[in-house]
Amino acid sequence: MPLPDLRQTEAEKRALWLKEQKRIAGLFHRVFDTDDGQQILDWFGKECMENEQTFVPEHDDLTHFNEGKRSLILRIRAVLKAKIE
């Protein structure tokens, strides 16, 4: 993505941002809207503790690490679910 032009209006910046979001969402769908992509998502879900407790008593560092992993799969799912218009 090119560097922003400082002379752009907020509306122009928003339009460029939206165009980029649509492009990225399209890439996500092209990859994950397949049988193989679904299998990868399922694997990510397990590896990233999507539906598991991430808290590790007395180990803040592990809890933060687990939450970081979990946030990745949640972000991927959010991009796939979002309707960008």
PDB file of N, CA and C in Angstrom:
ATOM      1  N   MET A   1       0.856  -1.178   0.000  1.00  0.00           N
ATOM      2  CA  MET A   1       0.000   0.000   0.000  1.00  0.00           C
ATOM      3  C   MET A   1       0.899   1.237   0.000  1.00  0.00           C
ATOM      4  N   PRO A   2       0.607   2.199  -0.864  1.00  0.00           N
ATOM      5  CA  PRO A   2       1.444   3.401  -0.930  1.00  0.00           C
ATOM      6  C   PRO A   2       1.304   4.262   0.317  1.00  0.00           C
ATOM      7  N   LEU A   3       2.298   5.097   0.552  1.00  0.00           N
ATOM      8  CA  LEU A   3       2.241   6.031   1.674  1.00  0.00           C
ATOM      9  C   LEU A   3       1.110   7.021   1.469  1.00  0.00           C
ATOM     10  N   PRO A   4       0.439   7.420   2.529  1.00  0.00           N
ATOM     11  CA  PRO A   4      -0.684   8.350   2.376  1.00  0.00           C
ATOM     12  C   PRO A   4      -0.217   9.731   1.935  1.00  0.00           C
ATOM     13  N   ASP A   5      -1.006  10.349   1.121  1.00  0.00           N
ATOM     14  CA  ASP A   5      -0.762  11.723   0.686  1.00  0.00           C
ATOM     15  C   ASP A   5      -1.294  12.638   1.791  1.00  0.00           C
ATOM     16  N   LEU A   6      -0.442  13.477   2.336  1.00  0.00           N
ATOM     17  CA  LEU A   6      -0.840  14.339   3.448  1.00  0.00           C
ATOM     18  C   LEU A   6      -1.908  15.351   3.053  1.00  0.00           C
ATOM     19  N   ARG A   7      -2.099  15.539   1.754  1.00  0.00           N
ATOM     20  CA  ARG A   7      -3.109  16.475   1.287  1.00  0.00           C
ATOM     21  C   ARG A   7      -4.483  15.833   1.142  1.00  0.00           C
ATOM     22  N   GLN A   8      -4.572  14.531   1.392  1.00  0.00           N
ATOM     23  CA  GLN A   8      -5.845  13.835   1.253  1.00  0.00           C
ATOM     24  C   GLN A   8      -6.837  14.281   2.322  1.00  0.00           C
ATOM     25  N   THR A   9      -8.088  14.318   1.918  1.00  0.00           N
ATOM     26  CA  THR A   9      -9.133  14.617   2.889  1.00  0.00           C
ATOM     27  C   THR A   9      -9.402  13.356   3.708  1.00  0.00           C
ATOM     28  N   GLU A  10     -10.107  13.533   4.807  1.00  0.00           N
ATOM     29  CA  GLU A  10     -10.465  12.372   5.637  1.00  0.00           C
ATOM     30  C   GLU A  10     -11.328  11.391   4.852  1.00  0.00           C
ATOM     31  N   ALA A  11     -12.207  11.905   4.016  1.00  0.00           N
ATOM     32  CA  ALA A  11     -13.066  11.044   3.201  1.00  0.00           C
ATOM     33  C   ALA A  11     -12.229  10.224   2.217  1.00  0.00           C
ATOM     34  N   GLU A  12     -11.219  10.833   1.626  1.00  0.00           N
ATOM     35  CA  GLU A  12     -10.342  10.119   0.703  1.00  0.00           C
ATOM     36  C   GLU A  12      -9.528   9.049   1.439  1.00  0.00           C
ATOM     37  N   LYS A  13      -9.044   9.391   2.627  1.00  0.00           N
ATOM     38  CA  LYS A  13      -8.307   8.418   3.427  1.00  0.00           C
ATOM     39  C   LYS A  13      -9.196   7.239   3.789  1.00  0.00           C
ATOM     40  N   ARG A  14     -10.420   7.535   4.172  1.00  0.00           N
ATOM     41  CA  ARG A  14     -11.374   6.482   4.529  1.00  0.00           C
ATOM     42  C   ARG A  14     -11.669   5.591   3.330  1.00  0.00           C
ATOM     43  N   ALA A  15     -11.830   6.194   2.164  1.00  0.00           N
ATOM     44  CA  ALA A  15     -12.112   5.423   0.953  1.00  0.00           C
ATOM     45  C   ALA A  15     -10.949   4.478   0.626  1.00  0.00           C
ATOM     46  N   LEU A  16      -9.714   4.956   0.773  1.00  0.00           N
ATOM     47  CA  LEU A  16      -8.548   4.105   0.536  1.00  0.00           C
ATOM     48  C   LEU A  16      -8.458   2.982   1.557  1.00  0.00           C
ATOM     49  N   TRP A  17      -8.738   3.309   2.815  1.00  0.00           N
ATOM     50  CA  TRP A  17      -8.706   2.305   3.872  1.00  0.00           C
ATOM     51  C   TRP A  17      -9.750   1.222   3.592  1.00  0.00           C
ATOM     52  N   LEU A  18     -10.956   1.654   3.212  1.00  0.00           N
ATOM     53  CA  LEU A  18     -12.033   0.721   2.933  1.00  0.00           C
ATOM     54  C   LEU A  18     -11.695  -0.177   1.746  1.00  0.00           C
ATOM     55  N   LYS A  19     -11.100   0.404   0.724  1.00  0.00           N
ATOM     56  CA  LYS A  19     -10.689  -0.373  -0.442  1.00  0.00           C
ATOM     57  C   LYS A  19      -9.674  -1.448  -0.041  1.00  0.00           C
ATOM     58  N   GLU A  20      -8.741  -1.099   0.822  1.00  0.00           N
ATOM     59  CA  GLU A  20      -7.740  -2.054   1.293  1.00  0.00           C
ATOM     60  C   GLU A  20      -8.382  -3.145   2.153  1.00  0.00           C
ATOM     61  N   GLN A  21      -9.347  -2.766   2.984  1.00  0.00           N
ATOM     62  CA  GLN A  21     -10.038  -3.761   3.805  1.00  0.00           C
ATOM     63  C   GLN A  21     -10.790  -4.760   2.934  1.00  0.00           C
ATOM     64  N   LYS A  22     -11.420  -4.287   1.873  1.00  0.00           N
ATOM     65  CA  LYS A  22     -12.127  -5.172   0.945  1.00  0.00           C
ATOM     66  C   LYS A  22     -11.151  -6.114   0.251  1.00  0.00           C
ATOM     67  N   ARG A  23      -9.985  -5.590  -0.124  1.00  0.00           N
ATOM     68  CA  ARG A  23      -8.973  -6.411  -0.790  1.00  0.00           C
ATOM     69  C   ARG A  23      -8.493  -7.527   0.150  1.00  0.00           C
ATOM     70  N   ILE A  24      -8.204  -7.160   1.381  1.00  0.00           N
ATOM     71  CA  ILE A  24      -7.729  -8.137   2.362  1.00  0.00           C
ATOM     72  C   ILE A  24      -8.821  -9.172   2.654  1.00  0.00           C
ATOM     73  N   ALA A  25     -10.057  -8.725   2.836  1.00  0.00           N
ATOM     74  CA  ALA A  25     -11.158  -9.651   3.088  1.00  0.00           C
ATOM     75  C   ALA A  25     -11.307 -10.633   1.933  1.00  0.00           C
ATOM     76  N   GLY A  26     -11.141 -10.151   0.712  1.00  0.00           N
ATOM     77  CA  GLY A  26     -11.205 -11.029  -0.458  1.00  0.00           C
ATOM     78  C   GLY A  26     -10.128 -12.100  -0.423  1.00  0.00           C
ATOM     79  N   LEU A  27      -8.924 -11.715  -0.015  1.00  0.00           N
ATOM     80  CA  LEU A  27      -7.835 -12.691   0.115  1.00  0.00           C
ATOM     81  C   LEU A  27      -8.169 -13.744   1.166  1.00  0.00           C
ATOM     82  N   PHE A  28      -8.680 -13.294   2.309  1.00  0.00           N
ATOM     83  CA  PHE A  28      -9.065 -14.232   3.366  1.00  0.00           C
ATOM     84  C   PHE A  28     -10.102 -15.221   2.848  1.00  0.00           C
ATOM     85  N   HIS A  29     -11.116 -14.728   2.158  1.00  0.00           N
ATOM     86  CA  HIS A  29     -12.167 -15.609   1.650  1.00  0.00           C
ATOM     87  C   HIS A  29     -11.633 -16.569   0.589  1.00  0.00           C
ATOM     88  N   ARG A  30     -10.767 -16.090  -0.264  1.00  0.00           N
ATOM     89  CA  ARG A  30     -10.204 -16.955  -1.301  1.00  0.00           C
ATOM     90  C   ARG A  30      -9.424 -18.112  -0.672  1.00  0.00           C
ATOM     91  N   VAL A  31      -8.753 -17.845   0.431  1.00  0.00           N
ATOM     92  CA  VAL A  31      -7.963 -18.877   1.106  1.00  0.00           C
ATOM     93  C   VAL A  31      -8.836 -19.779   1.981  1.00  0.00           C
ATOM     94  N   PHE A  32      -9.703 -19.187   2.786  1.00  0.00           N
ATOM     95  CA  PHE A  32     -10.400 -19.957   3.807  1.00  0.00           C
ATOM     96  C   PHE A  32     -11.773 -20.479   3.398  1.00  0.00           C
ATOM     97  N   ASP A  33     -12.339 -20.025   2.291  1.00  0.00           N
ATOM     98  CA  ASP A  33     -13.642 -20.522   1.851  1.00  0.00           C
ATOM     99  C   ASP A  33     -13.501 -21.753   0.957  1.00  0.00           C
ATOM    100  N   THR A  34     -12.591 -22.616   1.328  1.00  0.00           N
ATOM    101  CA  THR A  34     -12.379 -23.886   0.632  1.00  0.00           C
ATOM    102  C   THR A  34     -12.372 -24.991   1.685  1.00  0.00           C
ATOM    103  N   ASP A  35     -12.467 -26.224   1.242  1.00  0.00           N
ATOM    104  CA  ASP A  35     -12.394 -27.335   2.204  1.00  0.00           C
ATOM    105  C   ASP A  35     -11.063 -27.330   2.936  1.00  0.00           C
ATOM    106  N   ASP A  36      -9.970 -27.128   2.187  1.00  0.00           N
ATOM    107  CA  ASP A  36      -8.649 -27.075   2.820  1.00  0.00           C
ATOM    108  C   ASP A  36      -8.553 -25.901   3.785  1.00  0.00           C
ATOM    109  N   GLY A  37      -9.071 -24.756   3.372  1.00  0.00           N
ATOM    110  CA  GLY A  37      -9.044 -23.568   4.226  1.00  0.00           C
ATOM    111  C   GLY A  37      -9.820 -23.790   5.511  1.00  0.00           C
ATOM    112  N   GLN A  38     -10.957 -24.491   5.408  1.00  0.00           N
ATOM    113  CA  GLN A  38     -11.759 -24.770   6.598  1.00  0.00           C
ATOM    114  C   GLN A  38     -11.004 -25.692   7.553  1.00  0.00           C
ATOM    115  N   GLN A  39     -10.279 -26.648   6.991  1.00  0.00           N
ATOM    116  CA  GLN A  39      -9.483 -27.548   7.834  1.00  0.00           C
ATOM    117  C   GLN A  39      -8.375 -26.778   8.549  1.00  0.00           C
ATOM    118  N   ILE A  40      -7.778 -25.824   7.853  1.00  0.00           N
ATOM    119  CA  ILE A  40      -6.738 -24.990   8.470  1.00  0.00           C
ATOM    120  C   ILE A  40      -7.352 -24.140   9.584  1.00  0.00           C
ATOM    121  N   LEU A  41      -8.532 -23.550   9.334  1.00  0.00           N
ATOM    122  CA  LEU A  41      -9.204 -22.759  10.372  1.00  0.00           C
ATOM    123  C   LEU A  41      -9.503 -23.605  11.602  1.00  0.00           C
ATOM    124  N   ASP A  42      -9.969 -24.825  11.376  1.00  0.00           N
ATOM    125  CA  ASP A  42     -10.253 -25.718  12.503  1.00  0.00           C
ATOM    126  C   ASP A  42      -8.974 -26.011  13.283  1.00  0.00           C
ATOM    127  N   TRP A  43      -7.891 -26.243  12.563  1.00  0.00           N
ATOM    128  CA  TRP A  43      -6.602 -26.503  13.210  1.00  0.00           C
ATOM    129  C   TRP A  43      -6.145 -25.282  14.000  1.00  0.00           C
ATOM    130  N   PHE A  44      -6.221 -24.096  13.369  1.00  0.00           N
ATOM    131  CA  PHE A  44      -5.884 -22.854  14.070  1.00  0.00           C
ATOM    132  C   PHE A  44      -6.718 -22.704  15.341  1.00  0.00           C
ATOM    133  N   GLY A  45      -8.009 -23.016  15.232  1.00  0.00           N
ATOM    134  CA  GLY A  45      -8.894 -22.899  16.384  1.00  0.00           C
ATOM    135  C   GLY A  45      -8.408 -23.719  17.567  1.00  0.00           C
ATOM    136  N   LYS A  46      -7.966 -24.932  17.286  1.00  0.00           N
ATOM    137  CA  LYS A  46      -7.445 -25.793  18.357  1.00  0.00           C
ATOM    138  C   LYS A  46      -6.100 -25.292  18.864  1.00  0.00           C
ATOM    139  N   GLU A  47      -5.194 -24.989  17.959  1.00  0.00           N
ATOM    140  CA  GLU A  47      -3.852 -24.538  18.328  1.00  0.00           C
ATOM    141  C   GLU A  47      -3.859 -23.198  19.057  1.00  0.00           C
ATOM    142  N   CYS A  48      -4.829 -22.357  18.704  1.00  0.00           N
ATOM    143  CA  CYS A  48      -4.888 -21.003  19.276  1.00  0.00           C
ATOM    144  C   CYS A  48      -5.884 -20.887  20.425  1.00  0.00           C
ATOM    145  N   MET A  49      -6.354 -22.024  20.907  1.00  0.00           N
ATOM    146  CA  MET A  49      -7.210 -22.053  22.091  1.00  0.00           C
ATOM    147  C   MET A  49      -8.479 -21.217  21.923  1.00  0.00           C
ATOM    148  N   GLU A  50      -9.077 -21.292  20.750  1.00  0.00           N
ATOM    149  CA  GLU A  50     -10.248 -20.472  20.442  1.00  0.00           C
ATOM    150  C   GLU A  50     -11.390 -20.673  21.434  1.00  0.00           C
ATOM    151  N   ASN A  51     -11.640 -21.890  21.837  1.00  0.00           N
ATOM    152  CA  ASN A  51     -12.757 -22.190  22.730  1.00  0.00           C
ATOM    153  C   ASN A  51     -12.285 -22.777  24.056  1.00  0.00           C
ATOM    154  N   GLU A  52     -11.112 -22.344  24.489  1.00  0.00           N
ATOM    155  CA  GLU A  52     -10.545 -22.874  25.721  1.00  0.00           C
ATOM    156  C   GLU A  52     -10.192 -21.747  26.687  1.00  0.00           C
ATOM    157  N   GLN A  53     -10.003 -22.127  27.923  1.00  0.00           N
ATOM    158  CA  GLN A  53      -9.529 -21.202  28.955  1.00  0.00           C
ATOM    159  C   GLN A  53      -8.070 -20.855  28.652  1.00  0.00           C
ATOM    160  N   THR A  54      -7.751 -19.584  28.590  1.00  0.00           N
ATOM    161  CA  THR A  54      -6.367 -19.173  28.317  1.00  0.00           C
ATOM    162  C   THR A  54      -5.612 -18.791  29.583  1.00  0.00           C
ATOM    163  N   PHE A  55      -6.331 -18.627  30.671  1.00  0.00           N
ATOM    164  CA  PHE A  55      -5.725 -18.216  31.927  1.00  0.00           C
ATOM    165  C   PHE A  55      -4.887 -19.349  32.515  1.00  0.00           C
ATOM    166  N   VAL A  56      -3.655 -19.011  32.916  1.00  0.00           N
ATOM    167  CA  VAL A  56      -2.778 -19.960  33.590  1.00  0.00           C
ATOM    168  C   VAL A  56      -2.474 -19.370  34.967  1.00  0.00           C
ATOM    169  N   PRO A  57      -3.002 -19.978  36.033  1.00  0.00           N
ATOM    170  CA  PRO A  57      -2.792 -19.424  37.375  1.00  0.00           C
ATOM    171  C   PRO A  57      -1.307 -19.242  37.691  1.00  0.00           C
ATOM    172  N   GLU A  58      -1.004 -18.091  38.245  1.00  0.00           N
ATOM    173  CA  GLU A  58       0.345 -17.749  38.687  1.00  0.00           C
ATOM    174  C   GLU A  58       1.368 -17.657  37.554  1.00  0.00           C
ATOM    175  N   HIS A  59       0.897 -17.563  36.313  1.00  0.00           N
ATOM    176  CA  HIS A  59       1.809 -17.426  35.174  1.00  0.00           C
ATOM    177  C   HIS A  59       1.247 -16.391  34.189  1.00  0.00           C
ATOM    178  N   ASP A  60       1.414 -15.125  34.557  1.00  0.00           N
ATOM    179  CA  ASP A  60       0.907 -14.053  33.692  1.00  0.00           C
ATOM    180  C   ASP A  60       1.489 -14.128  32.285  1.00  0.00           C
ATOM    181  N   ASP A  61       2.763 -14.474  32.176  1.00  0.00           N
ATOM    182  CA  ASP A  61       3.398 -14.529  30.861  1.00  0.00           C
ATOM    183  C   ASP A  61       2.735 -15.571  29.967  1.00  0.00           C
ATOM    184  N   LEU A  62       2.414 -16.733  30.494  1.00  0.00           N
ATOM    185  CA  LEU A  62       1.729 -17.756  29.699  1.00  0.00           C
ATOM    186  C   LEU A  62       0.305 -17.341  29.360  1.00  0.00           C
ATOM    187  N   THR A  63      -0.359 -16.689  30.299  1.00  0.00           N
ATOM    188  CA  THR A  63      -1.707 -16.198  30.034  1.00  0.00           C
ATOM    189  C   THR A  63      -1.680 -15.188  28.889  1.00  0.00           C
ATOM    190  N   HIS A  64      -0.754 -14.258  28.919  1.00  0.00           N
ATOM    191  CA  HIS A  64      -0.636 -13.262  27.841  1.00  0.00           C
ATOM    192  C   HIS A  64      -0.302 -13.928  26.518  1.00  0.00           C
ATOM    193  N   PHE A  65       0.588 -14.900  26.536  1.00  0.00           N
ATOM    194  CA  PHE A  65       0.952 -15.630  25.326  1.00  0.00           C
ATOM    195  C   PHE A  65      -0.280 -16.337  24.748  1.00  0.00           C
ATOM    196  N   ASN A  66      -1.020 -17.020  25.606  1.00  0.00           N
ATOM    197  CA  ASN A  66      -2.225 -17.724  25.156  1.00  0.00           C
ATOM    198  C   ASN A  66      -3.265 -16.763  24.600  1.00  0.00           C
ATOM    199  N   GLU A  67      -3.433 -15.622  25.240  1.00  0.00           N
ATOM    200  CA  GLU A  67      -4.392 -14.625  24.752  1.00  0.00           C
ATOM    201  C   GLU A  67      -3.960 -14.069  23.397  1.00  0.00           C
ATOM    202  N   GLY A  68      -2.657 -13.917  23.205  1.00  0.00           N
ATOM    203  CA  GLY A  68      -2.156 -13.470  21.908  1.00  0.00           C
ATOM    204  C   GLY A  68      -2.487 -14.467  20.810  1.00  0.00           C
ATOM    205  N   LYS A  69      -2.274 -15.752  21.089  1.00  0.00           N
ATOM    206  CA  LYS A  69      -2.621 -16.789  20.113  1.00  0.00           C
ATOM    207  C   LYS A  69      -4.117 -16.763  19.816  1.00  0.00           C
ATOM    208  N   ARG A  70      -4.906 -16.682  20.857  1.00  0.00           N
ATOM    209  CA  ARG A  70      -6.355 -16.706  20.692  1.00  0.00           C
ATOM    210  C   ARG A  70      -6.851 -15.500  19.892  1.00  0.00           C
ATOM    211  N   SER A  71      -6.235 -14.348  20.120  1.00  0.00           N
ATOM    212  CA  SER A  71      -6.674 -13.146  19.398  1.00  0.00           C
ATOM    213  C   SER A  71      -6.466 -13.295  17.891  1.00  0.00           C
ATOM    214  N   LEU A  72      -5.474 -14.076  17.490  1.00  0.00           N
ATOM    215  CA  LEU A  72      -5.227 -14.285  16.058  1.00  0.00           C
ATOM    216  C   LEU A  72      -6.406 -14.990  15.396  1.00  0.00           C
ATOM    217  N   ILE A  73      -6.834 -16.112  15.944  1.00  0.00           N
ATOM    218  CA  ILE A  73      -7.951 -16.840  15.323  1.00  0.00           C
ATOM    219  C   ILE A  73      -9.238 -16.037  15.409  1.00  0.00           C
ATOM    220  N   LEU A  74      -9.421 -15.299  16.494  1.00  0.00           N
ATOM    221  CA  LEU A  74     -10.626 -14.472  16.595  1.00  0.00           C
ATOM    222  C   LEU A  74     -10.637 -13.377  15.533  1.00  0.00           C
ATOM    223  N   ARG A  75      -9.475 -12.811  15.253  1.00  0.00           N
ATOM    224  CA  ARG A  75      -9.380 -11.773  14.209  1.00  0.00           C
ATOM    225  C   ARG A  75      -9.655 -12.358  12.830  1.00  0.00           C
ATOM    226  N   ILE A  76      -9.107 -13.529  12.560  1.00  0.00           N
ATOM    227  CA  ILE A  76      -9.362 -14.184  11.273  1.00  0.00           C
ATOM    228  C   ILE A  76     -10.853 -14.443  11.110  1.00  0.00           C
ATOM    229  N   ARG A  77     -11.477 -14.980  12.138  1.00  0.00           N
ATOM    230  CA  ARG A  77     -12.928 -15.262  12.071  1.00  0.00           C
ATOM    231  C   ARG A  77     -13.730 -13.967  11.875  1.00  0.00           C
ATOM    232  N   ALA A  78     -13.301 -12.884  12.520  1.00  0.00           N
ATOM    233  CA  ALA A  78     -14.005 -11.601  12.389  1.00  0.00           C
ATOM    234  C   ALA A  78     -13.904 -11.070  10.960  1.00  0.00           C
ATOM    235  N   VAL A  79     -12.743 -11.189  10.351  1.00  0.00           N
ATOM    236  CA  VAL A  79     -12.580 -10.729   8.970  1.00  0.00           C
ATOM    237  C   VAL A  79     -13.475 -11.546   8.045  1.00  0.00           C
ATOM    238  N   LEU A  80     -13.531 -12.849   8.258  1.00  0.00           N
ATOM    239  CA  LEU A  80     -14.352 -13.697   7.409  1.00  0.00           C
ATOM    240  C   LEU A  80     -15.838 -13.436   7.604  1.00  0.00           C
ATOM    241  N   LYS A  81     -16.239 -13.033   8.790  1.00  0.00           N
ATOM    242  CA  LYS A  81     -17.649 -12.800   9.105  1.00  0.00           C
ATOM    243  C   LYS A  81     -18.126 -11.406   8.679  1.00  0.00           C
ATOM    244  N   ALA A  82     -17.225 -10.441   8.665  1.00  0.00           N
ATOM    245  CA  ALA A  82     -17.592  -9.041   8.409  1.00  0.00           C
ATOM    246  C   ALA A  82     -18.137  -8.840   6.999  1.00  0.00           C
ATOM    247  N   LYS A  83     -19.080  -7.959   6.912  1.00  0.00           N
ATOM    248  CA  LYS A  83     -19.625  -7.524   5.628  1.00  0.00           C
ATOM    249  C   LYS A  83     -19.132  -6.111   5.374  1.00  0.00           C
ATOM    250  N   ILE A  84     -18.141  -5.979   4.523  1.00  0.00           N
ATOM    251  CA  ILE A  84     -17.565  -4.659   4.230  1.00  0.00           C
ATOM    252  C   ILE A  84     -18.211  -4.129   2.957  1.00  0.00           C
ATOM    253  N   GLU A  85     -18.836  -2.981   3.091  1.00  0.00           N
ATOM    254  CA  GLU A  85     -19.520  -2.387   1.941  1.00  0.00           C
ATOM    255  C   GLU A  85     -18.988  -1.019   1.633  1.00  0.00           C
TER     256      GLU A  85
END
